[in-house]
Amino acid sequence: MSKYRKHLPQLKDRLFMTDGGLETTLVFHQGIDLPHFAAFDLLKDERGTERLRGYFERYAQIACSHGLGLILEAPTWRASRDWGAKLGYDAVALADANRKAIGMLLEIRACFESPHTKIVVSGNLGPRGDGYRPGARMSVDEAQAYHEPQLATFAATDADMAAAFTMNYVEEAIGIAALRRCCGCRSRFRSRSKPTAACLPATRSQARSKPRTR
């Protein structure tokens, strides 16, 4: 059962931090080859999984040392149908990767969470196309159909919420936000510099943009 799905602690008056750019760190600071910027592909073997674990544990340690809350975003920004197909993942393998990503973050929470550092686990959705250059645009209905399998996978795990980042046109963002209905959740939508959306299964959602490059 999800720990915070019905009462997200970051919606209260406590300070929370997030990570600082997973794919950017892996590629440009650690020299790891990420085809299509797909960090989830590292979950296919133990060495890659440990690289991801080390990345997230570093942020957990920082949060603990400063008594801050932490939102862990799953390494699943590219773990949707079109991007998965480019890497040879079928629907079953892709769903397994999304579940494994959430499971890894839950393990990290079990190791690091304390009364002073609450850790929220978030399933991360990315755009169907390039995150910064709009290409083939979907309608709202098409966006719902495309993103529903990944969001449904997250909803069936113990993730606390799901969030979508770098949506660069409104219809895709709205389509994701509208998927809250499949989880029976309430939602509010707010845009900043780029249209983004978040769906929080069984609770309200809050759209936000990431202050970094993925």
N, C-alpha and C. Protein backbone atom coordinates (compact mmCIF):
# COMPACT_ATOMS: atom_id res chain seq x y z
N MET A 1 0.84 -1.20 0.00
CA MET A 1 0.00 0.00 0.00
C MET A 1 0.88 1.25 0.00
N SER A 2 0.48 2.23 -0.81
CA SER A 2 1.25 3.48 -0.87
C SER A 2 1.23 4.19 0.48
N LYS A 3 2.35 4.78 0.83
CA LYS A 3 2.47 5.42 2.14
C LYS A 3 1.87 6.81 2.19
N TYR A 4 2.03 7.59 1.10
CA TYR A 4 1.64 8.99 1.14
C TYR A 4 0.63 9.38 0.06
N ARG A 5 0.08 8.42 -0.65
CA ARG A 5 -0.76 8.75 -1.79
C ARG A 5 -1.94 9.63 -1.42
N LYS A 6 -2.47 9.45 -0.25
CA LYS A 6 -3.66 10.22 0.16
C LYS A 6 -3.34 11.45 0.99
N HIS A 7 -2.07 11.63 1.31
CA HIS A 7 -1.69 12.80 2.12
C HIS A 7 -0.23 13.15 1.84
N LEU A 8 0.00 13.76 0.69
CA LEU A 8 1.37 14.10 0.29
C LEU A 8 1.97 15.13 1.23
N PRO A 9 3.08 14.82 1.89
CA PRO A 9 3.64 15.73 2.88
C PRO A 9 4.19 17.01 2.29
N GLN A 10 4.60 17.01 1.01
CA GLN A 10 5.14 18.24 0.42
C GLN A 10 4.08 19.30 0.17
N LEU A 11 2.81 18.94 0.32
CA LEU A 11 1.75 19.93 0.17
C LEU A 11 1.50 20.70 1.45
N LYS A 12 2.23 20.37 2.49
CA LYS A 12 2.13 21.10 3.75
C LYS A 12 3.23 22.15 3.80
N ASP A 13 3.54 22.64 4.98
CA ASP A 13 4.47 23.76 5.10
C ASP A 13 5.89 23.31 5.44
N ARG A 14 6.32 22.19 4.88
CA ARG A 14 7.68 21.72 5.08
C ARG A 14 8.47 21.85 3.79
N LEU A 15 9.77 22.00 3.91
CA LEU A 15 10.63 22.16 2.74
C LEU A 15 11.07 20.79 2.23
N PHE A 16 10.89 20.58 0.92
CA PHE A 16 11.31 19.34 0.27
C PHE A 16 12.31 19.66 -0.84
N MET A 17 13.20 18.72 -1.09
CA MET A 17 14.14 18.84 -2.19
C MET A 17 13.90 17.72 -3.20
N THR A 18 14.42 17.90 -4.41
CA THR A 18 14.38 16.86 -5.43
C THR A 18 15.81 16.62 -5.92
N ASP A 19 15.96 15.68 -6.82
CA ASP A 19 17.29 15.45 -7.38
C ASP A 19 17.65 16.56 -8.36
N GLY A 20 18.88 16.52 -8.86
CA GLY A 20 19.36 17.65 -9.65
C GLY A 20 19.59 17.39 -11.12
N GLY A 21 19.01 16.35 -11.69
CA GLY A 21 19.17 16.11 -13.12
C GLY A 21 19.78 14.76 -13.40
N LEU A 22 18.98 13.72 -13.37
CA LEU A 22 19.48 12.35 -13.48
C LEU A 22 20.24 12.10 -14.77
N GLU A 23 19.59 12.27 -15.90
CA GLU A 23 20.23 11.94 -17.17
C GLU A 23 21.43 12.83 -17.45
N THR A 24 21.31 14.10 -17.12
CA THR A 24 22.44 15.03 -17.31
C THR A 24 23.64 14.59 -16.49
N THR A 25 23.40 14.19 -15.25
CA THR A 25 24.48 13.74 -14.39
C THR A 25 25.13 12.47 -14.93
N LEU A 26 24.30 11.52 -15.33
CA LEU A 26 24.84 10.24 -15.81
C LEU A 26 25.67 10.42 -17.08
N VAL A 27 25.17 11.23 -18.00
CA VAL A 27 25.85 11.38 -19.30
C VAL A 27 27.06 12.29 -19.20
N PHE A 28 26.87 13.48 -18.63
CA PHE A 28 27.92 14.51 -18.71
C PHE A 28 28.88 14.51 -17.53
N HIS A 29 28.48 13.93 -16.41
CA HIS A 29 29.37 13.90 -15.25
C HIS A 29 29.96 12.52 -14.99
N GLN A 30 29.23 11.48 -15.35
CA GLN A 30 29.71 10.13 -15.10
C GLN A 30 30.11 9.40 -16.38
N GLY A 31 29.87 10.02 -17.54
CA GLY A 31 30.31 9.44 -18.80
C GLY A 31 29.59 8.17 -19.19
N ILE A 32 28.36 8.00 -18.75
CA ILE A 32 27.58 6.80 -19.05
C ILE A 32 26.82 6.99 -20.36
N ASP A 33 26.88 6.00 -21.21
CA ASP A 33 26.16 6.05 -22.48
C ASP A 33 24.69 5.75 -22.23
N LEU A 34 23.82 6.69 -22.54
CA LEU A 34 22.38 6.51 -22.37
C LEU A 34 21.71 6.68 -23.73
N PRO A 35 21.53 5.63 -24.49
CA PRO A 35 20.82 5.76 -25.77
C PRO A 35 19.44 6.39 -25.56
N HIS A 36 19.16 7.40 -26.36
CA HIS A 36 17.88 8.11 -26.29
C HIS A 36 17.63 8.74 -24.91
N PHE A 37 18.69 8.96 -24.16
CA PHE A 37 18.59 9.59 -22.83
C PHE A 37 17.71 8.75 -21.90
N ALA A 38 17.71 7.44 -22.09
CA ALA A 38 16.79 6.55 -21.37
C ALA A 38 17.48 5.93 -20.16
N ALA A 39 17.37 6.58 -19.02
CA ALA A 39 18.01 6.08 -17.81
C ALA A 39 17.41 4.76 -17.35
N PHE A 40 16.15 4.52 -17.63
CA PHE A 40 15.52 3.29 -17.15
C PHE A 40 16.19 2.05 -17.71
N ASP A 41 16.85 2.18 -18.85
CA ASP A 41 17.51 1.03 -19.47
C ASP A 41 18.63 0.48 -18.59
N LEU A 42 19.16 1.30 -17.68
CA LEU A 42 20.21 0.83 -16.77
C LEU A 42 19.69 -0.23 -15.80
N LEU A 43 18.37 -0.29 -15.63
CA LEU A 43 17.79 -1.25 -14.70
C LEU A 43 17.87 -2.69 -15.22
N LYS A 44 18.33 -2.88 -16.45
CA LYS A 44 18.34 -4.22 -17.04
C LYS A 44 19.44 -5.10 -16.46
N ASP A 45 20.42 -4.50 -15.77
CA ASP A 45 21.45 -5.33 -15.15
C ASP A 45 21.85 -4.74 -13.80
N GLU A 46 22.57 -5.54 -13.04
CA GLU A 46 22.91 -5.16 -11.67
C GLU A 46 23.83 -3.93 -11.63
N ARG A 47 24.78 -3.86 -12.54
CA ARG A 47 25.71 -2.72 -12.53
C ARG A 47 24.97 -1.41 -12.79
N GLY A 48 24.08 -1.42 -13.78
CA GLY A 48 23.31 -0.21 -14.08
C GLY A 48 22.39 0.17 -12.94
N THR A 49 21.77 -0.83 -12.33
CA THR A 49 20.87 -0.57 -11.21
C THR A 49 21.62 0.07 -10.05
N GLU A 50 22.82 -0.41 -9.80
CA GLU A 50 23.61 0.15 -8.70
C GLU A 50 24.05 1.58 -9.01
N ARG A 51 24.29 1.90 -10.27
CA ARG A 51 24.61 3.28 -10.64
C ARG A 51 23.43 4.20 -10.33
N LEU A 52 22.25 3.74 -10.68
CA LEU A 52 21.05 4.53 -10.38
C LEU A 52 20.84 4.64 -8.87
N ARG A 53 21.02 3.54 -8.18
CA ARG A 53 20.83 3.55 -6.73
C ARG A 53 21.79 4.54 -6.07
N GLY A 54 23.02 4.54 -6.52
CA GLY A 54 24.01 5.45 -5.95
C GLY A 54 23.63 6.91 -6.18
N TYR A 55 23.11 7.19 -7.36
CA TYR A 55 22.67 8.56 -7.66
C TYR A 55 21.59 9.00 -6.69
N PHE A 56 20.56 8.19 -6.50
CA PHE A 56 19.46 8.58 -5.63
C PHE A 56 19.85 8.57 -4.16
N GLU A 57 20.70 7.65 -3.77
CA GLU A 57 21.12 7.60 -2.36
C GLU A 57 21.90 8.85 -1.98
N ARG A 58 22.63 9.41 -2.92
CA ARG A 58 23.36 10.64 -2.61
C ARG A 58 22.40 11.75 -2.21
N TYR A 59 21.28 11.87 -2.92
CA TYR A 59 20.29 12.89 -2.57
C TYR A 59 19.58 12.56 -1.26
N ALA A 60 19.37 11.27 -1.00
CA ALA A 60 18.77 10.88 0.27
C ALA A 60 19.68 11.26 1.43
N GLN A 61 20.98 11.08 1.24
CA GLN A 61 21.93 11.45 2.29
C GLN A 61 21.93 12.96 2.53
N ILE A 62 21.86 13.74 1.46
CA ILE A 62 21.82 15.20 1.59
C ILE A 62 20.56 15.62 2.33
N ALA A 63 19.42 15.05 1.96
CA ALA A 63 18.16 15.39 2.62
C ALA A 63 18.22 15.05 4.10
N CYS A 64 18.75 13.89 4.41
CA CYS A 64 18.85 13.48 5.82
C CYS A 64 19.76 14.40 6.61
N SER A 65 20.88 14.78 6.03
CA SER A 65 21.85 15.61 6.75
C SER A 65 21.32 17.00 7.04
N HIS A 66 20.35 17.46 6.24
CA HIS A 66 19.80 18.79 6.45
C HIS A 66 18.37 18.76 7.00
N GLY A 67 17.87 17.59 7.30
CA GLY A 67 16.53 17.48 7.86
C GLY A 67 15.44 17.92 6.91
N LEU A 68 15.63 17.68 5.60
CA LEU A 68 14.65 18.08 4.59
C LEU A 68 13.85 16.88 4.11
N GLY A 69 12.66 17.14 3.59
CA GLY A 69 11.93 16.11 2.90
C GLY A 69 12.54 15.90 1.52
N LEU A 70 12.18 14.80 0.87
CA LEU A 70 12.77 14.46 -0.42
C LEU A 70 11.72 13.82 -1.32
N ILE A 71 11.67 14.27 -2.56
CA ILE A 71 10.85 13.63 -3.58
C ILE A 71 11.78 12.89 -4.53
N LEU A 72 11.65 11.59 -4.60
CA LEU A 72 12.46 10.78 -5.50
C LEU A 72 11.67 10.53 -6.78
N GLU A 73 12.17 11.04 -7.90
CA GLU A 73 11.53 10.83 -9.19
C GLU A 73 12.12 9.59 -9.86
N ALA A 74 11.26 8.66 -10.22
CA ALA A 74 11.73 7.42 -10.83
C ALA A 74 12.49 7.70 -12.13
N PRO A 75 13.46 6.86 -12.48
CA PRO A 75 14.25 7.05 -13.70
C PRO A 75 13.48 6.57 -14.94
N THR A 76 12.25 7.03 -15.08
CA THR A 76 11.33 6.48 -16.09
C THR A 76 10.86 7.54 -17.09
N TRP A 77 11.62 8.61 -17.22
CA TRP A 77 11.23 9.70 -18.10
C TRP A 77 11.08 9.23 -19.55
N ARG A 78 11.86 8.22 -19.94
CA ARG A 78 11.77 7.67 -21.29
C ARG A 78 11.09 6.30 -21.32
N ALA A 79 10.51 5.87 -20.22
CA ALA A 79 9.97 4.51 -20.15
C ALA A 79 8.52 4.44 -20.62
N SER A 80 8.28 4.99 -21.80
CA SER A 80 6.95 4.91 -22.41
C SER A 80 7.08 4.18 -23.75
N ARG A 81 5.96 3.92 -24.41
CA ARG A 81 5.90 2.98 -25.53
C ARG A 81 6.89 3.29 -26.66
N ASP A 82 6.85 4.50 -27.20
CA ASP A 82 7.69 4.81 -28.37
C ASP A 82 9.17 4.75 -28.04
N TRP A 83 9.56 5.32 -26.91
CA TRP A 83 10.97 5.31 -26.53
C TRP A 83 11.42 3.90 -26.17
N GLY A 84 10.55 3.16 -25.48
CA GLY A 84 10.90 1.79 -25.14
C GLY A 84 11.12 0.94 -26.38
N ALA A 85 10.28 1.14 -27.40
CA ALA A 85 10.42 0.37 -28.63
C ALA A 85 11.76 0.63 -29.31
N LYS A 86 12.26 1.85 -29.21
CA LYS A 86 13.56 2.17 -29.81
C LYS A 86 14.68 1.36 -29.15
N LEU A 87 14.45 0.93 -27.92
CA LEU A 87 15.46 0.18 -27.17
C LEU A 87 15.13 -1.31 -27.11
N GLY A 88 14.10 -1.73 -27.82
CA GLY A 88 13.77 -3.15 -27.88
C GLY A 88 12.85 -3.64 -26.79
N TYR A 89 12.16 -2.75 -26.09
CA TYR A 89 11.24 -3.15 -25.03
C TYR A 89 9.83 -3.32 -25.59
N ASP A 90 9.20 -4.46 -25.30
CA ASP A 90 7.79 -4.59 -25.61
C ASP A 90 6.98 -4.11 -24.41
N ALA A 91 5.66 -4.20 -24.48
CA ALA A 91 4.81 -3.66 -23.42
C ALA A 91 5.07 -4.34 -22.08
N VAL A 92 5.29 -5.65 -22.10
CA VAL A 92 5.52 -6.38 -20.85
C VAL A 92 6.84 -5.96 -20.21
N ALA A 93 7.90 -5.92 -21.01
CA ALA A 93 9.22 -5.53 -20.49
C ALA A 93 9.22 -4.09 -19.99
N LEU A 94 8.48 -3.23 -20.68
CA LEU A 94 8.43 -1.83 -20.27
C LEU A 94 7.71 -1.68 -18.94
N ALA A 95 6.61 -2.40 -18.77
CA ALA A 95 5.90 -2.36 -17.49
C ALA A 95 6.78 -2.89 -16.37
N ASP A 96 7.53 -3.95 -16.65
CA ASP A 96 8.44 -4.48 -15.63
C ASP A 96 9.50 -3.46 -15.24
N ALA A 97 10.02 -2.72 -16.22
CA ALA A 97 11.04 -1.71 -15.94
C ALA A 97 10.46 -0.59 -15.07
N ASN A 98 9.25 -0.16 -15.38
CA ASN A 98 8.61 0.88 -14.57
C ASN A 98 8.38 0.41 -13.13
N ARG A 99 7.96 -0.83 -12.98
CA ARG A 99 7.76 -1.37 -11.63
C ARG A 99 9.08 -1.50 -10.89
N LYS A 100 10.11 -1.94 -11.60
CA LYS A 100 11.42 -2.09 -10.96
C LYS A 100 11.96 -0.74 -10.50
N ALA A 101 11.73 0.29 -11.30
CA ALA A 101 12.19 1.63 -10.93
C ALA A 101 11.53 2.09 -9.63
N ILE A 102 10.24 1.89 -9.53
CA ILE A 102 9.53 2.28 -8.30
C ILE A 102 10.02 1.44 -7.13
N GLY A 103 10.20 0.14 -7.37
CA GLY A 103 10.67 -0.73 -6.30
C GLY A 103 12.03 -0.31 -5.75
N MET A 104 12.93 0.12 -6.62
CA MET A 104 14.24 0.58 -6.18
C MET A 104 14.11 1.80 -5.27
N LEU A 105 13.25 2.74 -5.65
CA LEU A 105 13.07 3.94 -4.83
C LEU A 105 12.42 3.61 -3.50
N LEU A 106 11.53 2.66 -3.48
CA LEU A 106 10.92 2.25 -2.21
C LEU A 106 11.96 1.64 -1.28
N GLU A 107 12.90 0.89 -1.84
CA GLU A 107 13.99 0.33 -1.02
C GLU A 107 14.85 1.44 -0.44
N ILE A 108 15.14 2.46 -1.24
CA ILE A 108 15.94 3.59 -0.75
C ILE A 108 15.19 4.31 0.36
N ARG A 109 13.90 4.51 0.18
CA ARG A 109 13.11 5.15 1.25
C ARG A 109 13.19 4.34 2.54
N ALA A 110 13.07 3.03 2.44
CA ALA A 110 13.11 2.18 3.63
C ALA A 110 14.42 2.34 4.38
N CYS A 111 15.50 2.61 3.66
CA CYS A 111 16.82 2.75 4.29
C CYS A 111 17.06 4.13 4.90
N PHE A 112 16.48 5.17 4.29
CA PHE A 112 16.87 6.53 4.66
C PHE A 112 15.78 7.36 5.35
N GLU A 113 14.54 7.00 5.23
CA GLU A 113 13.49 7.86 5.76
C GLU A 113 13.53 7.92 7.28
N SER A 114 13.22 9.10 7.80
CA SER A 114 13.14 9.33 9.24
C SER A 114 12.02 10.32 9.50
N PRO A 115 11.66 10.55 10.77
CA PRO A 115 10.62 11.54 11.06
C PRO A 115 10.96 12.94 10.53
N HIS A 116 12.25 13.24 10.40
CA HIS A 116 12.67 14.56 9.91
C HIS A 116 12.83 14.59 8.39
N THR A 117 12.93 13.43 7.77
CA THR A 117 13.10 13.36 6.32
C THR A 117 12.08 12.38 5.75
N LYS A 118 10.94 12.91 5.39
CA LYS A 118 9.93 12.09 4.73
C LYS A 118 10.29 11.99 3.25
N ILE A 119 10.18 10.81 2.70
CA ILE A 119 10.59 10.57 1.31
C ILE A 119 9.38 10.13 0.49
N VAL A 120 9.07 10.92 -0.53
CA VAL A 120 7.94 10.65 -1.41
C VAL A 120 8.46 10.01 -2.70
N VAL A 121 7.83 8.94 -3.13
CA VAL A 121 8.22 8.23 -4.34
C VAL A 121 7.28 8.61 -5.47
N SER A 122 7.85 9.11 -6.56
CA SER A 122 7.06 9.62 -7.69
C SER A 122 7.39 8.86 -8.97
N GLY A 123 6.36 8.42 -9.67
CA GLY A 123 6.55 7.84 -10.99
C GLY A 123 6.67 8.95 -12.02
N ASN A 124 7.72 8.93 -12.81
CA ASN A 124 8.00 10.04 -13.73
C ASN A 124 7.59 9.70 -15.15
N LEU A 125 6.81 10.59 -15.76
CA LEU A 125 6.43 10.46 -17.16
C LEU A 125 7.09 11.57 -17.96
N GLY A 126 7.57 11.23 -19.15
CA GLY A 126 8.15 12.22 -20.04
C GLY A 126 7.34 12.36 -21.30
N PRO A 127 7.73 13.26 -22.18
CA PRO A 127 6.99 13.50 -23.41
C PRO A 127 7.15 12.36 -24.40
N ARG A 128 6.17 12.23 -25.27
CA ARG A 128 6.26 11.21 -26.32
C ARG A 128 7.38 11.53 -27.30
N GLY A 129 7.57 12.80 -27.56
CA GLY A 129 8.62 13.22 -28.47
C GLY A 129 9.75 13.91 -27.74
N ASP A 130 10.46 14.77 -28.44
CA ASP A 130 11.54 15.54 -27.85
C ASP A 130 10.99 16.46 -26.76
N GLY A 131 11.71 16.57 -25.67
CA GLY A 131 11.22 17.37 -24.55
C GLY A 131 11.32 18.86 -24.75
N TYR A 132 12.03 19.31 -25.78
CA TYR A 132 12.26 20.74 -25.93
C TYR A 132 11.93 21.27 -27.32
N ARG A 133 11.62 20.37 -28.26
CA ARG A 133 11.24 20.81 -29.60
C ARG A 133 9.96 20.08 -30.01
N PRO A 134 8.84 20.76 -30.03
CA PRO A 134 7.59 20.10 -30.41
C PRO A 134 7.69 19.51 -31.81
N GLY A 135 7.29 18.26 -31.94
CA GLY A 135 7.28 17.61 -33.23
C GLY A 135 5.86 17.24 -33.61
N ALA A 136 5.61 15.95 -33.83
CA ALA A 136 4.26 15.49 -34.14
C ALA A 136 3.39 15.65 -32.90
N ARG A 137 2.38 16.47 -33.01
CA ARG A 137 1.54 16.77 -31.86
C ARG A 137 0.37 15.78 -31.77
N MET A 138 0.02 15.44 -30.54
CA MET A 138 -1.14 14.60 -30.29
C MET A 138 -2.32 15.45 -29.86
N SER A 139 -3.50 14.91 -30.04
CA SER A 139 -4.69 15.51 -29.44
C SER A 139 -4.72 15.11 -27.97
N VAL A 140 -5.60 15.72 -27.21
CA VAL A 140 -5.74 15.35 -25.79
C VAL A 140 -6.07 13.86 -25.67
N ASP A 141 -6.99 13.38 -26.48
CA ASP A 141 -7.37 11.96 -26.42
C ASP A 141 -6.21 11.05 -26.78
N GLU A 142 -5.45 11.43 -27.79
CA GLU A 142 -4.29 10.63 -28.18
C GLU A 142 -3.24 10.60 -27.08
N ALA A 143 -3.05 11.73 -26.40
CA ALA A 143 -2.09 11.79 -25.29
C ALA A 143 -2.54 10.90 -24.15
N GLN A 144 -3.84 10.90 -23.86
CA GLN A 144 -4.35 10.01 -22.82
C GLN A 144 -4.07 8.56 -23.16
N ALA A 145 -4.37 8.17 -24.40
CA ALA A 145 -4.17 6.79 -24.81
C ALA A 145 -2.70 6.39 -24.76
N TYR A 146 -1.81 7.32 -25.13
CA TYR A 146 -0.39 7.00 -25.15
C TYR A 146 0.17 6.83 -23.73
N HIS A 147 -0.17 7.73 -22.82
CA HIS A 147 0.44 7.73 -21.49
C HIS A 147 -0.27 6.84 -20.48
N GLU A 148 -1.48 6.40 -20.79
CA GLU A 148 -2.25 5.62 -19.81
C GLU A 148 -1.55 4.35 -19.35
N PRO A 149 -0.91 3.55 -20.22
CA PRO A 149 -0.27 2.32 -19.72
C PRO A 149 0.79 2.58 -18.66
N GLN A 150 1.61 3.59 -18.87
CA GLN A 150 2.67 3.87 -17.89
C GLN A 150 2.06 4.36 -16.58
N LEU A 151 1.10 5.26 -16.66
CA LEU A 151 0.48 5.77 -15.44
C LEU A 151 -0.27 4.66 -14.71
N ALA A 152 -0.94 3.78 -15.45
CA ALA A 152 -1.64 2.67 -14.82
C ALA A 152 -0.66 1.74 -14.10
N THR A 153 0.52 1.56 -14.69
CA THR A 153 1.55 0.75 -14.03
C THR A 153 1.96 1.38 -12.72
N PHE A 154 2.20 2.69 -12.73
CA PHE A 154 2.55 3.38 -11.49
C PHE A 154 1.44 3.25 -10.45
N ALA A 155 0.20 3.41 -10.89
CA ALA A 155 -0.93 3.36 -9.97
C ALA A 155 -1.04 2.01 -9.28
N ALA A 156 -0.57 0.96 -9.94
CA ALA A 156 -0.66 -0.39 -9.37
C ALA A 156 0.52 -0.70 -8.44
N THR A 157 1.47 0.21 -8.33
CA THR A 157 2.60 0.03 -7.41
C THR A 157 2.33 0.82 -6.14
N ASP A 158 3.34 0.89 -5.27
CA ASP A 158 3.22 1.68 -4.04
C ASP A 158 3.79 3.09 -4.22
N ALA A 159 3.91 3.56 -5.46
CA ALA A 159 4.31 4.96 -5.68
C ALA A 159 3.29 5.89 -5.04
N ASP A 160 3.76 7.01 -4.55
CA ASP A 160 2.87 7.97 -3.89
C ASP A 160 2.20 8.91 -4.87
N MET A 161 2.85 9.17 -5.98
CA MET A 161 2.33 10.14 -6.95
C MET A 161 2.98 9.86 -8.30
N ALA A 162 2.53 10.58 -9.29
CA ALA A 162 3.19 10.55 -10.60
C ALA A 162 3.30 11.98 -11.09
N ALA A 163 4.35 12.27 -11.84
CA ALA A 163 4.58 13.63 -12.32
C ALA A 163 5.08 13.57 -13.76
N ALA A 164 4.70 14.56 -14.55
CA ALA A 164 5.13 14.64 -15.95
C ALA A 164 5.92 15.91 -16.16
N PHE A 165 7.04 15.79 -16.89
CA PHE A 165 7.93 16.92 -17.07
C PHE A 165 8.28 17.16 -18.54
N THR A 166 8.57 18.41 -18.83
CA THR A 166 8.98 18.91 -20.15
C THR A 166 7.97 18.58 -21.23
N MET A 167 6.71 18.76 -20.90
CA MET A 167 5.68 18.72 -21.93
C MET A 167 5.71 20.07 -22.66
N ASN A 168 5.91 20.06 -23.96
CA ASN A 168 6.13 21.34 -24.65
C ASN A 168 4.95 21.79 -25.51
N TYR A 169 3.81 21.13 -25.36
CA TYR A 169 2.58 21.67 -25.94
C TYR A 169 1.41 21.25 -25.06
N VAL A 170 0.38 22.06 -25.08
CA VAL A 170 -0.68 21.97 -24.08
C VAL A 170 -1.45 20.66 -24.15
N GLU A 171 -1.73 20.16 -25.35
CA GLU A 171 -2.60 18.99 -25.46
C GLU A 171 -2.02 17.75 -24.77
N GLU A 172 -0.72 17.57 -24.87
CA GLU A 172 -0.13 16.40 -24.21
C GLU A 172 -0.20 16.55 -22.70
N ALA A 173 0.07 17.74 -22.21
CA ALA A 173 0.00 17.98 -20.77
C ALA A 173 -1.42 17.77 -20.24
N ILE A 174 -2.40 18.30 -20.96
CA ILE A 174 -3.79 18.14 -20.53
C ILE A 174 -4.20 16.67 -20.57
N GLY A 175 -3.77 15.96 -21.61
CA GLY A 175 -4.10 14.55 -21.71
C GLY A 175 -3.60 13.76 -20.51
N ILE A 176 -2.39 14.06 -20.05
CA ILE A 176 -1.84 13.37 -18.88
C ILE A 176 -2.62 13.76 -17.62
N ALA A 177 -2.87 15.06 -17.46
CA ALA A 177 -3.61 15.51 -16.29
C ALA A 177 -4.99 14.88 -16.24
N ALA A 178 -5.62 14.71 -17.41
CA ALA A 178 -6.96 14.14 -17.46
C ALA A 178 -6.97 12.67 -17.06
N LEU A 179 -5.82 12.02 -17.11
CA LEU A 179 -5.76 10.60 -16.74
C LEU A 179 -5.99 10.37 -15.26
N ARG A 180 -6.07 11.44 -14.47
CA ARG A 180 -6.40 11.27 -13.06
C ARG A 180 -7.68 10.48 -12.89
N ARG A 181 -8.57 10.55 -13.89
CA ARG A 181 -9.85 9.85 -13.78
C ARG A 181 -9.65 8.34 -13.70
N CYS A 182 -8.59 7.85 -14.37
CA CYS A 182 -8.37 6.40 -14.35
C CYS A 182 -7.94 5.94 -12.97
N CYS A 183 -7.49 6.87 -12.14
CA CYS A 183 -7.04 6.53 -10.79
C CYS A 183 -8.02 7.03 -9.73
N GLY A 184 -9.09 7.67 -10.15
CA GLY A 184 -10.06 8.18 -9.20
C GLY A 184 -9.53 9.30 -8.34
N CYS A 185 -8.68 10.16 -8.92
CA CYS A 185 -8.09 11.21 -8.11
C CYS A 185 -8.61 12.58 -8.51
N ARG A 186 -8.43 13.53 -7.61
CA ARG A 186 -8.77 14.91 -7.91
C ARG A 186 -7.52 15.59 -8.44
N SER A 187 -7.69 16.69 -9.17
CA SER A 187 -6.54 17.33 -9.80
C SER A 187 -6.72 18.83 -9.87
N ARG A 188 -5.58 19.52 -9.86
CA ARG A 188 -5.57 20.93 -10.25
C ARG A 188 -4.42 21.11 -11.21
N PHE A 189 -4.55 22.02 -12.12
CA PHE A 189 -3.54 22.20 -13.16
C PHE A 189 -3.01 23.61 -13.10
N ARG A 190 -1.71 23.73 -13.18
CA ARG A 190 -1.08 25.04 -13.19
C ARG A 190 0.13 24.98 -14.08
N SER A 191 0.27 25.94 -14.96
CA SER A 191 1.40 25.94 -15.88
C SER A 191 2.42 27.00 -15.46
N ARG A 192 3.67 26.73 -15.80
CA ARG A 192 4.73 27.72 -15.58
C ARG A 192 5.37 27.99 -16.93
N SER A 193 6.70 27.92 -16.98
CA SER A 193 7.37 28.27 -18.23
C SER A 193 7.06 27.30 -19.36
N LYS A 194 6.81 26.05 -19.01
CA LYS A 194 6.42 25.06 -20.01
C LYS A 194 5.19 24.34 -19.48
N PRO A 195 4.27 23.94 -20.37
CA PRO A 195 3.13 23.19 -19.90
C PRO A 195 3.59 21.85 -19.33
N THR A 196 3.30 21.60 -18.07
CA THR A 196 3.62 20.32 -17.44
C THR A 196 2.40 19.88 -16.67
N ALA A 197 2.39 18.62 -16.29
CA ALA A 197 1.24 18.13 -15.55
C ALA A 197 1.68 17.02 -14.61
N ALA A 198 0.92 16.82 -13.57
CA ALA A 198 1.19 15.72 -12.66
C ALA A 198 -0.12 15.06 -12.29
N CYS A 199 -0.10 13.76 -12.19
CA CYS A 199 -1.28 13.04 -11.76
C CYS A 199 -0.94 12.31 -10.49
N LEU A 200 -1.69 12.53 -9.45
CA LEU A 200 -1.46 11.88 -8.18
C LEU A 200 -2.59 10.90 -7.94
N PRO A 201 -2.35 9.61 -8.12
CA PRO A 201 -3.41 8.64 -7.92
C PRO A 201 -4.04 8.77 -6.54
N ALA A 202 -5.34 8.82 -6.49
CA ALA A 202 -6.13 8.85 -5.27
C ALA A 202 -5.95 10.11 -4.45
N THR A 203 -5.41 11.16 -5.03
CA THR A 203 -5.29 12.42 -4.32
C THR A 203 -5.28 13.55 -5.31
N ARG A 204 -5.05 14.77 -4.87
CA ARG A 204 -5.03 15.88 -5.82
C ARG A 204 -3.68 15.96 -6.50
N SER A 205 -3.63 16.57 -7.66
CA SER A 205 -2.38 16.69 -8.39
C SER A 205 -1.93 18.13 -8.42
N GLN A 206 -0.63 18.29 -8.66
CA GLN A 206 -0.05 19.62 -8.75
C GLN A 206 0.95 19.62 -9.87
N ALA A 207 0.68 20.35 -10.93
CA ALA A 207 1.63 20.41 -12.04
C ALA A 207 2.79 21.29 -11.67
N ARG A 208 3.98 20.91 -12.14
CA ARG A 208 5.15 21.74 -11.85
C ARG A 208 6.19 21.52 -12.91
N SER A 209 7.07 22.44 -13.07
CA SER A 209 8.16 22.28 -14.03
C SER A 209 9.44 22.07 -13.27
N LYS A 210 10.35 21.29 -13.87
CA LYS A 210 11.62 21.00 -13.21
C LYS A 210 12.60 22.12 -13.47
N PRO A 211 13.27 22.61 -12.41
CA PRO A 211 14.23 23.69 -12.59
C PRO A 211 15.58 23.17 -13.06
N ARG A 212 15.55 22.31 -14.10
CA ARG A 212 16.81 21.75 -14.57
C ARG A 212 16.59 21.10 -15.92
N THR A 213 17.66 20.73 -16.56
CA THR A 213 17.61 20.02 -17.83
C THR A 213 17.70 18.54 -17.58
N ARG A 214 16.81 17.77 -18.20
CA ARG A 214 16.88 16.34 -18.02
C ARG A 214 17.90 15.79 -18.93
